[in-house]
N, C-alpha and C. Protein backbone atom coordinates (compact mmCIF):
# COMPACT_ATOMS: atom_id res chain seq x y z
N MET A 1 -85.21 -41.03 -141.51
CA MET A 1 -85.10 -40.43 -142.79
C MET A 1 -84.95 -38.73 -142.05
N ALA A 2 -84.04 -38.40 -142.36
CA ALA A 2 -83.78 -36.75 -141.46
C ALA A 2 -85.04 -36.15 -141.95
N LYS A 3 -85.39 -34.86 -141.15
CA LYS A 3 -86.43 -34.03 -141.84
C LYS A 3 -85.74 -32.73 -141.71
N VAL A 4 -85.89 -32.23 -142.92
CA VAL A 4 -86.03 -30.63 -143.44
C VAL A 4 -87.16 -29.87 -142.50
N ILE A 5 -86.88 -28.57 -141.21
CA ILE A 5 -87.69 -28.02 -141.32
C ILE A 5 -87.73 -26.67 -141.64
N ILE A 6 -87.89 -26.02 -142.24
CA ILE A 6 -87.83 -24.91 -142.70
C ILE A 6 -88.96 -23.72 -142.02
N VAL A 7 -87.30 -23.12 -141.47
CA VAL A 7 -87.89 -22.00 -141.10
C VAL A 7 -88.02 -20.70 -141.77
N GLU A 8 -89.12 -20.23 -141.42
CA GLU A 8 -89.78 -18.92 -141.94
C GLU A 8 -90.85 -17.79 -140.33
N PRO A 9 -90.57 -16.98 -140.47
CA PRO A 9 -91.59 -16.03 -139.82
C PRO A 9 -92.64 -16.10 -140.23
N ASN A 10 -93.63 -15.82 -139.21
CA ASN A 10 -95.70 -16.11 -139.87
C ASN A 10 -95.19 -18.14 -140.60
N ILE A 11 -95.10 -18.97 -140.78
CA ILE A 11 -95.17 -19.52 -141.00
C ILE A 11 -96.39 -20.58 -140.61
N SER A 12 -96.98 -21.13 -141.41
CA SER A 12 -97.86 -22.18 -140.57
C SER A 12 -97.70 -23.79 -141.04
N GLU A 13 -98.04 -24.59 -139.94
CA GLU A 13 -97.51 -25.55 -140.06
C GLU A 13 -98.10 -26.46 -141.21
N ASP A 14 -99.59 -26.35 -141.78
CA ASP A 14 -99.97 -26.63 -142.84
C ASP A 14 -98.72 -26.15 -143.93
N GLU A 15 -98.18 -24.72 -144.41
CA GLU A 15 -97.40 -24.27 -145.28
C GLU A 15 -95.94 -25.31 -144.93
N ASN A 16 -95.90 -25.56 -143.82
CA ASN A 16 -94.55 -26.29 -143.81
C ASN A 16 -94.37 -27.64 -144.66
N GLN A 17 -95.89 -27.63 -144.11
CA GLN A 17 -96.48 -29.30 -144.58
C GLN A 17 -96.04 -29.40 -145.99
N GLN A 18 -96.63 -28.49 -146.73
CA GLN A 18 -96.65 -28.31 -148.46
C GLN A 18 -95.00 -28.17 -148.56
N ASN A 19 -94.49 -27.44 -148.13
CA ASN A 19 -92.83 -27.48 -148.55
C ASN A 19 -92.37 -28.77 -148.12
N TRP A 20 -92.69 -29.07 -147.32
CA TRP A 20 -92.11 -30.48 -147.11
C TRP A 20 -92.33 -31.48 -148.56
N LYS A 21 -93.71 -31.93 -148.47
CA LYS A 21 -93.52 -32.40 -149.52
C LYS A 21 -92.99 -32.09 -150.81
N LYS A 22 -93.23 -31.30 -151.25
CA LYS A 22 -92.31 -30.71 -152.11
C LYS A 22 -90.73 -31.05 -152.82
N VAL A 23 -90.20 -30.74 -151.69
CA VAL A 23 -88.92 -31.08 -151.07
C VAL A 23 -88.84 -32.40 -151.44
N GLN A 24 -89.59 -33.56 -151.03
CA GLN A 24 -89.66 -34.69 -150.94
C GLN A 24 -90.05 -34.98 -152.58
N GLU A 25 -91.08 -34.61 -153.37
CA GLU A 25 -91.22 -34.47 -155.12
C GLU A 25 -90.07 -34.57 -154.97
N VAL A 26 -89.39 -33.47 -155.33
CA VAL A 26 -88.06 -32.96 -155.98
C VAL A 26 -87.08 -34.35 -156.16
N LEU A 27 -86.71 -34.51 -154.77
CA LEU A 27 -85.84 -35.89 -154.28
C LEU A 27 -86.16 -36.98 -155.10
N GLU A 28 -87.42 -37.32 -155.30
CA GLU A 28 -87.67 -38.69 -155.72
C GLU A 28 -87.27 -38.67 -157.10
N ASN A 29 -87.74 -37.21 -157.71
CA ASN A 29 -87.70 -37.05 -159.21
C ASN A 29 -86.04 -37.00 -159.61
N ILE A 30 -85.41 -36.40 -158.95
CA ILE A 30 -83.99 -36.50 -159.23
C ILE A 30 -83.77 -38.75 -158.79
N ALA A 31 -83.88 -38.99 -157.58
CA ALA A 31 -83.20 -40.14 -157.47
C ALA A 31 -84.32 -41.13 -158.81
N GLN A 32 -85.07 -41.22 -159.64
CA GLN A 32 -85.51 -41.60 -160.87
C GLN A 32 -84.44 -41.59 -161.91
N GLU A 33 -83.98 -39.73 -161.73
CA GLU A 33 -83.16 -39.27 -163.22
C GLU A 33 -82.16 -40.30 -163.15
N ILE A 34 -81.72 -40.07 -160.96
CA ILE A 34 -80.32 -41.10 -161.31
C ILE A 34 -80.32 -42.56 -161.65
N ASN A 35 -81.23 -43.26 -161.09
CA ASN A 35 -81.98 -44.65 -161.87
C ASN A 35 -81.81 -44.85 -163.47
N GLU A 36 -82.30 -44.22 -163.93
CA GLU A 36 -82.34 -44.46 -165.40
C GLU A 36 -81.22 -44.30 -166.07
N ALA A 37 -80.37 -42.98 -165.56
CA ALA A 37 -79.41 -42.74 -166.20
C ALA A 37 -78.29 -43.63 -166.40
N SER A 38 -78.11 -44.77 -164.79
CA SER A 38 -77.34 -45.73 -164.75
C SER A 38 -78.19 -47.07 -165.69
């Protein structure tokens, strides 16, 4: 799976990991909505 790295000045690795988890949650929610709609 492709990994999105959010590049921001002064961002910590922990923040980057949290942002990535949020992105994954959003993608999972979208996938669930698509499955339910079909």
